[in-house]
């Protein structure tokens, strides 16, 4: 006897909730403005998704944001990305580009998705807070549908999420958040991503000063033109950094972790920046700089003891400047967004 196919409600009932963690990221990486970024361990956001039969994408919980983020589904970037993913899935199925056999449930009109966001990153920290939410949301909804899209296919959607949140489709936060590791953005159009090897023993000291720097303001302050000689020196710094990472030549990396263009301008927005930099280098940092557009700061070092000493030294400087801060000792993470067990 021929059995009737399971109803949408029955298929939803047997589906599982998916939770994905996506890591914080350090973008720009001193001389690598807009072209270099890496993921870090431990810090990050979690997004959980589950099918519903309400026909809508709903944002049912947001925690860890201190009440700062919008809790409406149409305004929060996590639920917005889930909606955009579903729209693209429907378009690709209708066009014949994606066969329905590749999805666990066909996105019919009666299908809804519940979204829950748990923030683990400070808002506006310079640690890729929005990117972590974007990457976690896209990976989670993709997994819920049976992973019909590849990571490469998720990247353009993730970059669109960055455009929504900050006005420009920057890949140097959201790509490491998805892929993990240290990533060189060789080109944005067409997109060309190059994973960069790095010494696995490196530690990363991160200090988040409790001051506000808006990304748009930080970009507006940058010069539209630079001198040729400055460009040549900066190019040499970036080339030396890449080679130092790839070969594990820490002395080359130390000499090359310099920024003559962006850092002198953005450092003015962070009280005590150069005192903190001097303290970090004195404690053995290989390099010290601003994470993204700030205000978070990071330092790379060879040992855990050195990384701890760096954090203590720069946090002491911040305190003397009258700035409260949060310190984190971590490493570059080889893993990007991934499913977690709850």
C-alpha atoms as a PDB file:
ATOM      1  CA  UNK A   1       0.000   0.000   0.000  1.00  0.00           C
ATOM      2  CA  UNK A   2       1.321   3.412  -0.963  1.00  0.00           C
ATOM      3  CA  UNK A   3       1.992   5.627   2.059  1.00  0.00           C
ATOM      4  CA  UNK A   4       1.199   9.311   2.085  1.00  0.00           C
ATOM      5  CA  UNK A   5       4.267  11.558   2.482  1.00  0.00           C
ATOM      6  CA  UNK A   6       4.750  12.953   5.968  1.00  0.00           C
ATOM      7  CA  UNK A   7       3.120  16.313   6.549  1.00  0.00           C
ATOM      8  CA  UNK A   8       5.176  19.427   7.164  1.00  0.00           C
ATOM      9  CA  UNK A   9       4.277  19.306  10.867  1.00  0.00           C
ATOM     10  CA  UNK A  10       5.419  15.680  11.087  1.00  0.00           C
ATOM     11  CA  UNK A  11       8.726  16.459   9.373  1.00  0.00           C
ATOM     12  CA  UNK A  12       9.290  19.440  11.676  1.00  0.00           C
ATOM     13  CA  UNK A  13       8.569  17.285  14.719  1.00  0.00           C
ATOM     14  CA  UNK A  14      11.426  14.878  13.919  1.00  0.00           C
ATOM     15  CA  UNK A  15      13.949  17.571  12.978  1.00  0.00           C
ATOM     16  CA  UNK A  16      16.613  18.607  15.482  1.00  0.00           C
ATOM     17  CA  UNK A  17      17.655  21.996  16.767  1.00  0.00           C
ATOM     18  CA  UNK A  18      21.079  23.045  15.492  1.00  0.00           C
ATOM     19  CA  UNK A  19      23.466  25.229  17.490  1.00  0.00           C
ATOM     20  CA  UNK A  20      26.592  26.720  15.932  1.00  0.00           C
ATOM     21  CA  UNK A  21      29.475  28.583  17.539  1.00  0.00           C
ATOM     22  CA  UNK A  22      31.446  31.123  15.474  1.00  0.00           C
ATOM     23  CA  UNK A  23      34.688  32.640  16.763  1.00  0.00           C
ATOM     24  CA  UNK A  24      35.826  36.178  17.356  1.00  0.00           C
ATOM     25  CA  UNK A  25      38.292  37.501  14.813  1.00  0.00           C
ATOM     26  CA  UNK A  26      41.185  39.918  14.621  1.00  0.00           C
ATOM     27  CA  UNK A  27      41.095  41.860  11.348  1.00  0.00           C
ATOM     28  CA  UNK A  28      43.675  44.117   9.665  1.00  0.00           C
ATOM     29  CA  UNK A  29      46.524  42.437  11.626  1.00  0.00           C
ATOM     30  CA  UNK A  30      48.747  45.515  11.754  1.00  0.00           C
ATOM     31  CA  UNK A  31      50.071  45.918   8.183  1.00  0.00           C
ATOM     32  CA  UNK A  32      47.233  43.851   6.684  1.00  0.00           C
ATOM     33  CA  UNK A  33      44.529  46.535   6.551  1.00  0.00           C
ATOM     34  CA  UNK A  34      41.376  45.073   4.952  1.00  0.00           C
ATOM     35  CA  UNK A  35      43.308  42.064   3.595  1.00  0.00           C
ATOM     36  CA  UNK A  36      44.283  39.936   6.606  1.00  0.00           C
ATOM     37  CA  UNK A  37      42.350  38.429   9.501  1.00  0.00           C
ATOM     38  CA  UNK A  38      42.432  35.484  11.873  1.00  0.00           C
ATOM     39  CA  UNK A  39      40.021  33.612  14.143  1.00  0.00           C
ATOM     40  CA  UNK A  40      40.712  33.125  17.846  1.00  0.00           C
ATOM     41  CA  UNK A  41      39.859  30.355  20.285  1.00  0.00           C
ATOM     42  CA  UNK A  42      37.149  30.452  22.980  1.00  0.00           C
ATOM     43  CA  UNK A  43      35.608  33.884  22.291  1.00  0.00           C
ATOM     44  CA  UNK A  44      32.563  33.954  20.034  1.00  0.00           C
ATOM     45  CA  UNK A  45      28.791  33.848  19.517  1.00  0.00           C
ATOM     46  CA  UNK A  46      26.291  30.981  19.381  1.00  0.00           C
ATOM     47  CA  UNK A  47      23.167  30.802  17.235  1.00  0.00           C
ATOM     48  CA  UNK A  48      20.517  28.078  17.595  1.00  0.00           C
ATOM     49  CA  UNK A  49      17.862  27.401  14.968  1.00  0.00           C
ATOM     50  CA  UNK A  50      14.879  25.043  14.786  1.00  0.00           C
ATOM     51  CA  UNK A  51      12.030  24.536  12.329  1.00  0.00           C
ATOM     52  CA  UNK A  52       8.549  25.710  13.245  1.00  0.00           C
ATOM     53  CA  UNK A  53       5.238  25.609  11.384  1.00  0.00           C
ATOM     54  CA  UNK A  54       4.534  29.292  11.884  1.00  0.00           C
ATOM     55  CA  UNK A  55       5.656  30.290   8.398  1.00  0.00           C
ATOM     56  CA  UNK A  56       7.986  33.023   9.674  1.00  0.00           C
ATOM     57  CA  UNK A  57      11.546  33.506  10.874  1.00  0.00           C
ATOM     58  CA  UNK A  58      11.243  34.516  14.530  1.00  0.00           C
ATOM     59  CA  UNK A  59      13.883  35.745  16.940  1.00  0.00           C
ATOM     60  CA  UNK A  60      12.861  34.061  20.173  1.00  0.00           C
ATOM     61  CA  UNK A  61      15.781  34.906  22.445  1.00  0.00           C
ATOM     62  CA  UNK A  62      18.815  37.177  22.586  1.00  0.00           C
ATOM     63  CA  UNK A  63      21.164  36.912  25.554  1.00  0.00           C
ATOM     64  CA  UNK A  64      24.530  38.400  26.453  1.00  0.00           C
ATOM     65  CA  UNK A  65      23.971  41.660  24.569  1.00  0.00           C
ATOM     66  CA  UNK A  66      23.180  43.813  27.593  1.00  0.00           C
ATOM     67  CA  UNK A  67      19.993  44.957  25.881  1.00  0.00           C
ATOM     68  CA  UNK A  68      21.995  46.686  23.154  1.00  0.00           C
ATOM     69  CA  UNK A  69      20.900  44.669  20.110  1.00  0.00           C
ATOM     70  CA  UNK A  70      17.462  44.773  18.453  1.00  0.00           C
ATOM     71  CA  UNK A  71      15.270  41.860  19.494  1.00  0.00           C
ATOM     72  CA  UNK A  72      12.988  42.112  16.439  1.00  0.00           C
ATOM     73  CA  UNK A  73      13.601  39.440  13.792  1.00  0.00           C
ATOM     74  CA  UNK A  74      13.566  41.944  10.938  1.00  0.00           C
ATOM     75  CA  UNK A  75      16.289  44.084  12.576  1.00  0.00           C
ATOM     76  CA  UNK A  76      18.701  41.619  14.186  1.00  0.00           C
ATOM     77  CA  UNK A  77      21.512  40.452  11.888  1.00  0.00           C
ATOM     78  CA  UNK A  78      21.306  36.798  13.013  1.00  0.00           C
ATOM     79  CA  UNK A  79      17.643  36.375  12.076  1.00  0.00           C
ATOM     80  CA  UNK A  80      18.078  38.571   9.001  1.00  0.00           C
ATOM     81  CA  UNK A  81      20.760  36.217   7.698  1.00  0.00           C
ATOM     82  CA  UNK A  82      18.515  33.208   8.327  1.00  0.00           C
ATOM     83  CA  UNK A  83      15.782  34.916   6.267  1.00  0.00           C
ATOM     84  CA  UNK A  84      18.213  35.759   3.464  1.00  0.00           C
ATOM     85  CA  UNK A  85      19.519  32.199   3.411  1.00  0.00           C
ATOM     86  CA  UNK A  86      15.987  30.777   3.115  1.00  0.00           C
ATOM     87  CA  UNK A  87      15.147  33.269   0.332  1.00  0.00           C
ATOM     88  CA  UNK A  88      18.233  32.196  -1.600  1.00  0.00           C
ATOM     89  CA  UNK A  89      17.439  28.522  -1.056  1.00  0.00           C
ATOM     90  CA  UNK A  90      13.938  29.033  -2.465  1.00  0.00           C
ATOM     91  CA  UNK A  91      15.259  30.942  -5.462  1.00  0.00           C
ATOM     92  CA  UNK A  92      17.829  28.265  -6.254  1.00  0.00           C
ATOM     93  CA  UNK A  93      15.247  25.480  -5.982  1.00  0.00           C
ATOM     94  CA  UNK A  94      12.799  27.376  -8.228  1.00  0.00           C
ATOM     95  CA  UNK A  95      15.508  28.029 -10.820  1.00  0.00           C
ATOM     96  CA  UNK A  96      16.571  24.382 -10.841  1.00  0.00           C
ATOM     97  CA  UNK A  97      20.044  25.247  -9.565  1.00  0.00           C
ATOM     98  CA  UNK A  98      19.455  23.214  -6.391  1.00  0.00           C
ATOM     99  CA  UNK A  99      17.577  19.907  -6.324  1.00  0.00           C
ATOM    100  CA  UNK A 100      15.137  19.319  -3.492  1.00  0.00           C
ATOM    101  CA  UNK A 101      16.916  16.041  -2.662  1.00  0.00           C
ATOM    102  CA  UNK A 102      19.779  18.101  -1.221  1.00  0.00           C
ATOM    103  CA  UNK A 103      17.639  19.729   1.497  1.00  0.00           C
ATOM    104  CA  UNK A 104      16.217  18.024   4.576  1.00  0.00           C
ATOM    105  CA  UNK A 105      12.943  19.977   4.322  1.00  0.00           C
ATOM    106  CA  UNK A 106      11.816  21.966   1.297  1.00  0.00           C
ATOM    107  CA  UNK A 107      11.301  25.624   2.359  1.00  0.00           C
ATOM    108  CA  UNK A 108       7.529  25.710   1.790  1.00  0.00           C
ATOM    109  CA  UNK A 109       5.334  28.708   2.617  1.00  0.00           C
ATOM    110  CA  UNK A 110       4.210  27.192   5.929  1.00  0.00           C
ATOM    111  CA  UNK A 111       7.752  26.544   7.143  1.00  0.00           C
ATOM    112  CA  UNK A 112       9.147  28.816   9.819  1.00  0.00           C
ATOM    113  CA  UNK A 113      12.415  28.981  11.743  1.00  0.00           C
ATOM    114  CA  UNK A 114      13.019  29.921  15.367  1.00  0.00           C
ATOM    115  CA  UNK A 115      16.326  31.742  15.983  1.00  0.00           C
ATOM    116  CA  UNK A 116      18.115  32.181  19.309  1.00  0.00           C
ATOM    117  CA  UNK A 117      21.279  34.269  19.673  1.00  0.00           C
ATOM    118  CA  UNK A 118      23.725  34.062  22.540  1.00  0.00           C
ATOM    119  CA  UNK A 119      26.304  36.856  22.390  1.00  0.00           C
ATOM    120  CA  UNK A 120      29.730  36.033  23.742  1.00  0.00           C
ATOM    121  CA  UNK A 121      31.397  39.131  22.310  1.00  0.00           C
ATOM    122  CA  UNK A 122      31.136  42.774  23.321  1.00  0.00           C
ATOM    123  CA  UNK A 123      29.267  44.930  20.806  1.00  0.00           C
ATOM    124  CA  UNK A 124      31.548  47.254  18.817  1.00  0.00           C
ATOM    125  CA  UNK A 125      34.661  45.620  20.230  1.00  0.00           C
ATOM    126  CA  UNK A 126      36.730  45.385  17.070  1.00  0.00           C
ATOM    127  CA  UNK A 127      36.646  41.590  17.468  1.00  0.00           C
ATOM    128  CA  UNK A 128      34.160  40.861  14.692  1.00  0.00           C
ATOM    129  CA  UNK A 129      31.053  40.770  16.881  1.00  0.00           C
ATOM    130  CA  UNK A 130      28.599  41.108  13.992  1.00  0.00           C
ATOM    131  CA  UNK A 131      30.691  38.719  11.873  1.00  0.00           C
ATOM    132  CA  UNK A 132      30.501  36.018  14.527  1.00  0.00           C
ATOM    133  CA  UNK A 133      26.695  36.337  14.630  1.00  0.00           C
ATOM    134  CA  UNK A 134      26.509  36.268  10.823  1.00  0.00           C
ATOM    135  CA  UNK A 135      28.776  33.238  10.476  1.00  0.00           C
ATOM    136  CA  UNK A 136      27.027  31.309  13.257  1.00  0.00           C
ATOM    137  CA  UNK A 137      23.559  32.061  11.844  1.00  0.00           C
ATOM    138  CA  UNK A 138      24.447  31.020   8.296  1.00  0.00           C
ATOM    139  CA  UNK A 139      26.233  27.844   9.350  1.00  0.00           C
ATOM    140  CA  UNK A 140      23.363  26.926  11.691  1.00  0.00           C
ATOM    141  CA  UNK A 141      20.574  27.371   9.146  1.00  0.00           C
ATOM    142  CA  UNK A 142      22.619  25.599   6.474  1.00  0.00           C
ATOM    143  CA  UNK A 143      23.103  22.630   8.809  1.00  0.00           C
ATOM    144  CA  UNK A 144      19.396  22.633   9.711  1.00  0.00           C
ATOM    145  CA  UNK A 145      18.538  22.237   6.014  1.00  0.00           C
ATOM    146  CA  UNK A 146      21.032  19.386   5.642  1.00  0.00           C
ATOM    147  CA  UNK A 147      24.023  21.484   4.500  1.00  0.00           C
ATOM    148  CA  UNK A 148      22.943  21.910   0.853  1.00  0.00           C
ATOM    149  CA  UNK A 149      25.323  24.863   0.368  1.00  0.00           C
ATOM    150  CA  UNK A 150      29.089  24.692   0.635  1.00  0.00           C
ATOM    151  CA  UNK A 151      31.109  27.066   2.815  1.00  0.00           C
ATOM    152  CA  UNK A 152      32.225  28.836  -0.372  1.00  0.00           C
ATOM    153  CA  UNK A 153      28.564  29.436  -1.228  1.00  0.00           C
ATOM    154  CA  UNK A 154      27.905  30.879   2.232  1.00  0.00           C
ATOM    155  CA  UNK A 155      30.689  33.478   1.960  1.00  0.00           C
ATOM    156  CA  UNK A 156      28.856  35.892  -0.419  1.00  0.00           C
ATOM    157  CA  UNK A 157      25.830  35.787   1.903  1.00  0.00           C
ATOM    158  CA  UNK A 158      28.098  36.461   4.884  1.00  0.00           C
ATOM    159  CA  UNK A 159      29.678  39.437   3.118  1.00  0.00           C
ATOM    160  CA  UNK A 160      26.205  40.802   2.401  1.00  0.00           C
ATOM    161  CA  UNK A 161      25.549  40.557   6.127  1.00  0.00           C
ATOM    162  CA  UNK A 162      28.633  42.681   6.748  1.00  0.00           C
ATOM    163  CA  UNK A 163      27.342  45.221   4.234  1.00  0.00           C
ATOM    164  CA  UNK A 164      24.052  45.398   6.142  1.00  0.00           C
ATOM    165  CA  UNK A 165      25.729  45.921   9.510  1.00  0.00           C
ATOM    166  CA  UNK A 166      28.545  48.323   8.633  1.00  0.00           C
ATOM    167  CA  UNK A 167      27.862  49.597   5.116  1.00  0.00           C
ATOM    168  CA  UNK A 168      30.642  47.704   3.314  1.00  0.00           C
ATOM    169  CA  UNK A 169      31.003  44.004   2.486  1.00  0.00           C
ATOM    170  CA  UNK A 170      34.297  43.460   4.317  1.00  0.00           C
ATOM    171  CA  UNK A 171      35.486  39.827   4.251  1.00  0.00           C
ATOM    172  CA  UNK A 172      38.453  40.103   6.663  1.00  0.00           C
ATOM    173  CA  UNK A 173      36.331  39.389   9.767  1.00  0.00           C
ATOM    174  CA  UNK A 174      33.516  37.213   8.487  1.00  0.00           C
ATOM    175  CA  UNK A 175      35.666  34.903   6.328  1.00  0.00           C
ATOM    176  CA  UNK A 176      37.976  33.858   9.202  1.00  0.00           C
ATOM    177  CA  UNK A 177      34.851  33.502  11.364  1.00  0.00           C
ATOM    178  CA  UNK A 178      33.511  30.973   8.845  1.00  0.00           C
ATOM    179  CA  UNK A 179      36.750  29.238   7.866  1.00  0.00           C
ATOM    180  CA  UNK A 180      39.030  29.665  10.877  1.00  0.00           C
ATOM    181  CA  UNK A 181      42.773  30.216  10.681  1.00  0.00           C
ATOM    182  CA  UNK A 182      44.665  33.154   9.203  1.00  0.00           C
ATOM    183  CA  UNK A 183      43.211  34.316   5.874  1.00  0.00           C
ATOM    184  CA  UNK A 184      44.616  36.653   3.227  1.00  0.00           C
ATOM    185  CA  UNK A 185      41.967  38.424   1.136  1.00  0.00           C
ATOM    186  CA  UNK A 186      43.954  38.655  -2.096  1.00  0.00           C
ATOM    187  CA  UNK A 187      41.000  40.132  -3.961  1.00  0.00           C
ATOM    188  CA  UNK A 188      37.409  41.099  -3.157  1.00  0.00           C
ATOM    189  CA  UNK A 189      36.167  41.252  -6.759  1.00  0.00           C
ATOM    190  CA  UNK A 190      36.498  38.529  -7.813  1.00  0.00           C
ATOM    191  CA  UNK A 191      36.804  37.049  -4.340  1.00  0.00           C
ATOM    192  CA  UNK A 192      40.138  35.278  -3.874  1.00  0.00           C
ATOM    193  CA  UNK A 193      40.962  33.895  -0.433  1.00  0.00           C
ATOM    194  CA  UNK A 194      44.354  32.475   0.555  1.00  0.00           C
ATOM    195  CA  UNK A 195      44.826  30.544   3.825  1.00  0.00           C
ATOM    196  CA  UNK A 196      48.137  31.507   5.427  1.00  0.00           C
ATOM    197  CA  UNK A 197      50.092  29.051   7.549  1.00  0.00           C
ATOM    198  CA  UNK A 198      51.223  30.206  10.987  1.00  0.00           C
ATOM    199  CA  UNK A 199      53.226  28.793  13.916  1.00  0.00           C
ATOM    200  CA  UNK A 200      50.727  26.775  15.964  1.00  0.00           C
ATOM    201  CA  UNK A 201      52.429  27.659  19.253  1.00  0.00           C
ATOM    202  CA  UNK A 202      51.653  31.376  19.111  1.00  0.00           C
ATOM    203  CA  UNK A 203      49.598  32.951  21.878  1.00  0.00           C
ATOM    204  CA  UNK A 204      47.322  35.938  21.414  1.00  0.00           C
ATOM    205  CA  UNK A 205      46.751  38.442  24.222  1.00  0.00           C
ATOM    206  CA  UNK A 206      43.571  40.495  23.742  1.00  0.00           C
ATOM    207  CA  UNK A 207      42.587  43.567  25.736  1.00  0.00           C
ATOM    208  CA  UNK A 208      39.169  45.145  25.277  1.00  0.00           C
ATOM    209  CA  UNK A 209      39.140  48.706  26.686  1.00  0.00           C
ATOM    210  CA  UNK A 210      35.657  49.859  27.609  1.00  0.00           C
ATOM    211  CA  UNK A 211      35.571  52.792  25.221  1.00  0.00           C
ATOM    212  CA  UNK A 212      33.484  53.246  22.080  1.00  0.00           C
ATOM    213  CA  UNK A 213      34.887  53.589  18.573  1.00  0.00           C
ATOM    214  CA  UNK A 214      32.408  53.500  15.697  1.00  0.00           C
ATOM    215  CA  UNK A 215      33.692  51.642  12.644  1.00  0.00           C
ATOM    216  CA  UNK A 216      32.317  54.297  10.307  1.00  0.00           C
ATOM    217  CA  UNK A 217      34.139  57.051  12.217  1.00  0.00           C
ATOM    218  CA  UNK A 218      37.360  55.029  12.277  1.00  0.00           C
ATOM    219  CA  UNK A 219      37.236  54.608   8.486  1.00  0.00           C
ATOM    220  CA  UNK A 220      36.365  58.247   7.799  1.00  0.00           C
ATOM    221  CA  UNK A 221      39.504  59.326   9.647  1.00  0.00           C
ATOM    222  CA  UNK A 222      41.776  57.453   7.237  1.00  0.00           C
ATOM    223  CA  UNK A 223      43.592  59.280   4.412  1.00  0.00           C
ATOM    224  CA  UNK A 224      42.374  58.879   0.839  1.00  0.00           C
ATOM    225  CA  UNK A 225      45.914  59.138  -0.531  1.00  0.00           C
ATOM    226  CA  UNK A 226      49.351  58.126   0.740  1.00  0.00           C
ATOM    227  CA  UNK A 227      52.884  58.835  -0.448  1.00  0.00           C
ATOM    228  CA  UNK A 228      54.592  56.325  -2.738  1.00  0.00           C
ATOM    229  CA  UNK A 229      57.481  55.824  -0.312  1.00  0.00           C
ATOM    230  CA  UNK A 230      55.008  55.047   2.475  1.00  0.00           C
ATOM    231  CA  UNK A 231      53.203  52.549   0.253  1.00  0.00           C
ATOM    232  CA  UNK A 232      56.493  50.805  -0.546  1.00  0.00           C
ATOM    233  CA  UNK A 233      57.430  50.497   3.135  1.00  0.00           C
ATOM    234  CA  UNK A 234      53.972  49.241   4.090  1.00  0.00           C
ATOM    235  CA  UNK A 235      54.075  46.674   1.279  1.00  0.00           C
ATOM    236  CA  UNK A 236      57.400  45.408   2.621  1.00  0.00           C
ATOM    237  CA  UNK A 237      55.929  45.126   6.112  1.00  0.00           C
ATOM    238  CA  UNK A 238      52.975  43.069   4.850  1.00  0.00           C
ATOM    239  CA  UNK A 239      55.181  40.834   2.700  1.00  0.00           C
ATOM    240  CA  UNK A 240      57.517  40.254   5.652  1.00  0.00           C
ATOM    241  CA  UNK A 241      54.560  39.405   7.912  1.00  0.00           C
ATOM    242  CA  UNK A 242      53.148  36.842   5.484  1.00  0.00           C
ATOM    243  CA  UNK A 243      56.559  35.240   4.994  1.00  0.00           C
ATOM    244  CA  UNK A 244      57.212  35.289   8.743  1.00  0.00           C
ATOM    245  CA  UNK A 245      53.900  33.553   9.452  1.00  0.00           C
ATOM    246  CA  UNK A 246      54.354  30.998   6.676  1.00  0.00           C
ATOM    247  CA  UNK A 247      57.935  30.037   7.589  1.00  0.00           C
ATOM    248  CA  UNK A 248      57.689  30.450  11.344  1.00  0.00           C
ATOM    249  CA  UNK A 249      60.453  33.060  11.237  1.00  0.00           C
ATOM    250  CA  UNK A 250      59.441  34.961  14.351  1.00  0.00           C
ATOM    251  CA  UNK A 251      62.281  37.477  14.100  1.00  0.00           C
ATOM    252  CA  UNK A 252      61.128  38.441  10.594  1.00  0.00           C
ATOM    253  CA  UNK A 253      57.562  38.595  11.894  1.00  0.00           C
ATOM    254  CA  UNK A 254      58.656  40.827  14.777  1.00  0.00           C
ATOM    255  CA  UNK A 255      60.466  43.261  12.464  1.00  0.00           C
ATOM    256  CA  UNK A 256      57.586  43.318   9.987  1.00  0.00           C
ATOM    257  CA  UNK A 257      54.625  43.875  12.337  1.00  0.00           C
ATOM    258  CA  UNK A 258      54.541  47.616  11.696  1.00  0.00           C
ATOM    259  CA  UNK A 259      51.792  49.861  10.375  1.00  0.00           C
ATOM    260  CA  UNK A 260      52.746  53.310   9.095  1.00  0.00           C
ATOM    261  CA  UNK A 261      49.349  54.225   7.628  1.00  0.00           C
ATOM    262  CA  UNK A 262      46.340  53.237   9.752  1.00  0.00           C
ATOM    263  CA  UNK A 263      47.716  52.774  13.260  1.00  0.00           C
ATOM    264  CA  UNK A 264      49.028  56.360  13.747  1.00  0.00           C
ATOM    265  CA  UNK A 265      45.524  57.699  13.039  1.00  0.00           C
ATOM    266  CA  UNK A 266      43.457  55.182  14.999  1.00  0.00           C
ATOM    267  CA  UNK A 267      45.881  55.156  17.941  1.00  0.00           C
ATOM    268  CA  UNK A 268      44.709  58.682  18.745  1.00  0.00           C
ATOM    269  CA  UNK A 269      41.264  57.260  19.519  1.00  0.00           C
ATOM    270  CA  UNK A 270      42.641  54.916  22.205  1.00  0.00           C
ATOM    271  CA  UNK A 271      44.047  56.676  25.291  1.00  0.00           C
ATOM    272  CA  UNK A 272      47.461  55.320  26.257  1.00  0.00           C
ATOM    273  CA  UNK A 273      47.860  53.238  23.088  1.00  0.00           C
ATOM    274  CA  UNK A 274      51.575  53.840  22.637  1.00  0.00           C
ATOM    275  CA  UNK A 275      52.243  53.303  26.346  1.00  0.00           C
ATOM    276  CA  UNK A 276      50.477  49.952  26.055  1.00  0.00           C
ATOM    277  CA  UNK A 277      52.402  49.095  22.904  1.00  0.00           C
ATOM    278  CA  UNK A 278      55.697  49.923  24.592  1.00  0.00           C
ATOM    279  CA  UNK A 279      54.728  47.799  27.615  1.00  0.00           C
ATOM    280  CA  UNK A 280      53.729  44.846  25.415  1.00  0.00           C
ATOM    281  CA  UNK A 281      56.942  44.912  23.408  1.00  0.00           C
ATOM    282  CA  UNK A 282      58.982  45.249  26.599  1.00  0.00           C
ATOM    283  CA  UNK A 283      57.310  42.068  27.897  1.00  0.00           C
ATOM    284  CA  UNK A 284      58.317  40.165  24.756  1.00  0.00           C
ATOM    285  CA  UNK A 285      55.434  40.655  22.311  1.00  0.00           C
ATOM    286  CA  UNK A 286      56.254  39.731  18.732  1.00  0.00           C
ATOM    287  CA  UNK A 287      53.821  42.388  17.587  1.00  0.00           C
ATOM    288  CA  UNK A 288      51.120  44.646  19.036  1.00  0.00           C
ATOM    289  CA  UNK A 289      48.277  46.406  17.301  1.00  0.00           C
ATOM    290  CA  UNK A 290      44.627  47.359  17.015  1.00  0.00           C
ATOM    291  CA  UNK A 291      42.089  44.635  16.287  1.00  0.00           C
ATOM    292  CA  UNK A 292      39.873  45.757  13.437  1.00  0.00           C
ATOM    293  CA  UNK A 293      38.896  49.390  13.941  1.00  0.00           C
ATOM    294  CA  UNK A 294      39.323  49.021  17.713  1.00  0.00           C
ATOM    295  CA  UNK A 295      39.129  49.588  20.541  1.00  0.00           C
ATOM    296  CA  UNK A 296      40.337  46.030  21.226  1.00  0.00           C
ATOM    297  CA  UNK A 297      44.093  45.512  21.127  1.00  0.00           C
ATOM    298  CA  UNK A 298      46.070  42.334  20.521  1.00  0.00           C
ATOM    299  CA  UNK A 299      49.607  41.048  20.927  1.00  0.00           C
ATOM    300  CA  UNK A 300      51.232  37.867  19.640  1.00  0.00           C
ATOM    301  CA  UNK A 301      53.821  36.019  21.697  1.00  0.00           C
ATOM    302  CA  UNK A 302      55.673  32.691  21.897  1.00  0.00           C
ATOM    303  CA  UNK A 303      54.678  31.398  25.349  1.00  0.00           C
ATOM    304  CA  UNK A 304      51.720  31.437  27.707  1.00  0.00           C
ATOM    305  CA  UNK A 305      53.790  33.063  30.452  1.00  0.00           C
ATOM    306  CA  UNK A 306      54.845  35.824  28.080  1.00  0.00           C
ATOM    307  CA  UNK A 307      51.244  36.333  26.926  1.00  0.00           C
ATOM    308  CA  UNK A 308      50.081  36.597  30.550  1.00  0.00           C
ATOM    309  CA  UNK A 309      52.795  39.154  31.361  1.00  0.00           C
ATOM    310  CA  UNK A 310      51.787  41.200  28.332  1.00  0.00           C
ATOM    311  CA  UNK A 311      48.139  41.245  29.392  1.00  0.00           C
ATOM    312  CA  UNK A 312      49.025  42.288  32.919  1.00  0.00           C
ATOM    313  CA  UNK A 313      51.316  45.061  31.665  1.00  0.00           C
ATOM    314  CA  UNK A 314      48.895  46.590  29.168  1.00  0.00           C
ATOM    315  CA  UNK A 315      45.931  46.311  31.526  1.00  0.00           C
ATOM    316  CA  UNK A 316      47.966  48.182  34.141  1.00  0.00           C
ATOM    317  CA  UNK A 317      48.570  50.978  31.625  1.00  0.00           C
ATOM    318  CA  UNK A 318      44.861  51.082  30.797  1.00  0.00           C
ATOM    319  CA  UNK A 319      44.008  51.396  34.495  1.00  0.00           C
ATOM    320  CA  UNK A 320      46.435  54.303  34.863  1.00  0.00           C
ATOM    321  CA  UNK A 321      44.645  55.952  31.939  1.00  0.00           C
ATOM    322  CA  UNK A 322      41.373  55.531  33.841  1.00  0.00           C
ATOM    323  CA  UNK A 323      40.021  52.908  31.427  1.00  0.00           C
ATOM    324  CA  UNK A 324      38.318  49.706  32.531  1.00  0.00           C
ATOM    325  CA  UNK A 325      39.116  46.702  30.363  1.00  0.00           C
ATOM    326  CA  UNK A 326      38.626  42.986  29.845  1.00  0.00           C
ATOM    327  CA  UNK A 327      41.632  40.748  29.223  1.00  0.00           C
ATOM    328  CA  UNK A 328      41.648  37.432  27.329  1.00  0.00           C
ATOM    329  CA  UNK A 329      44.515  35.019  26.729  1.00  0.00           C
ATOM    330  CA  UNK A 330      43.893  32.875  23.667  1.00  0.00           C
ATOM    331  CA  UNK A 331      45.431  31.520  20.439  1.00  0.00           C
ATOM    332  CA  UNK A 332      44.786  31.724  16.727  1.00  0.00           C
ATOM    333  CA  UNK A 333      42.042  29.178  16.029  1.00  0.00           C
ATOM    334  CA  UNK A 334      42.254  26.777  13.112  1.00  0.00           C
ATOM    335  CA  UNK A 335      38.499  26.219  13.399  1.00  0.00           C
ATOM    336  CA  UNK A 336      35.806  28.553  12.194  1.00  0.00           C
ATOM    337  CA  UNK A 337      32.034  28.242  12.635  1.00  0.00           C
ATOM    338  CA  UNK A 338      31.023  24.756  13.787  1.00  0.00           C
ATOM    339  CA  UNK A 339      28.169  22.780  15.323  1.00  0.00           C
ATOM    340  CA  UNK A 340      28.213  22.349  19.077  1.00  0.00           C
ATOM    341  CA  UNK A 341      26.418  19.893  21.332  1.00  0.00           C
ATOM    342  CA  UNK A 342      23.986  21.416  23.824  1.00  0.00           C
END
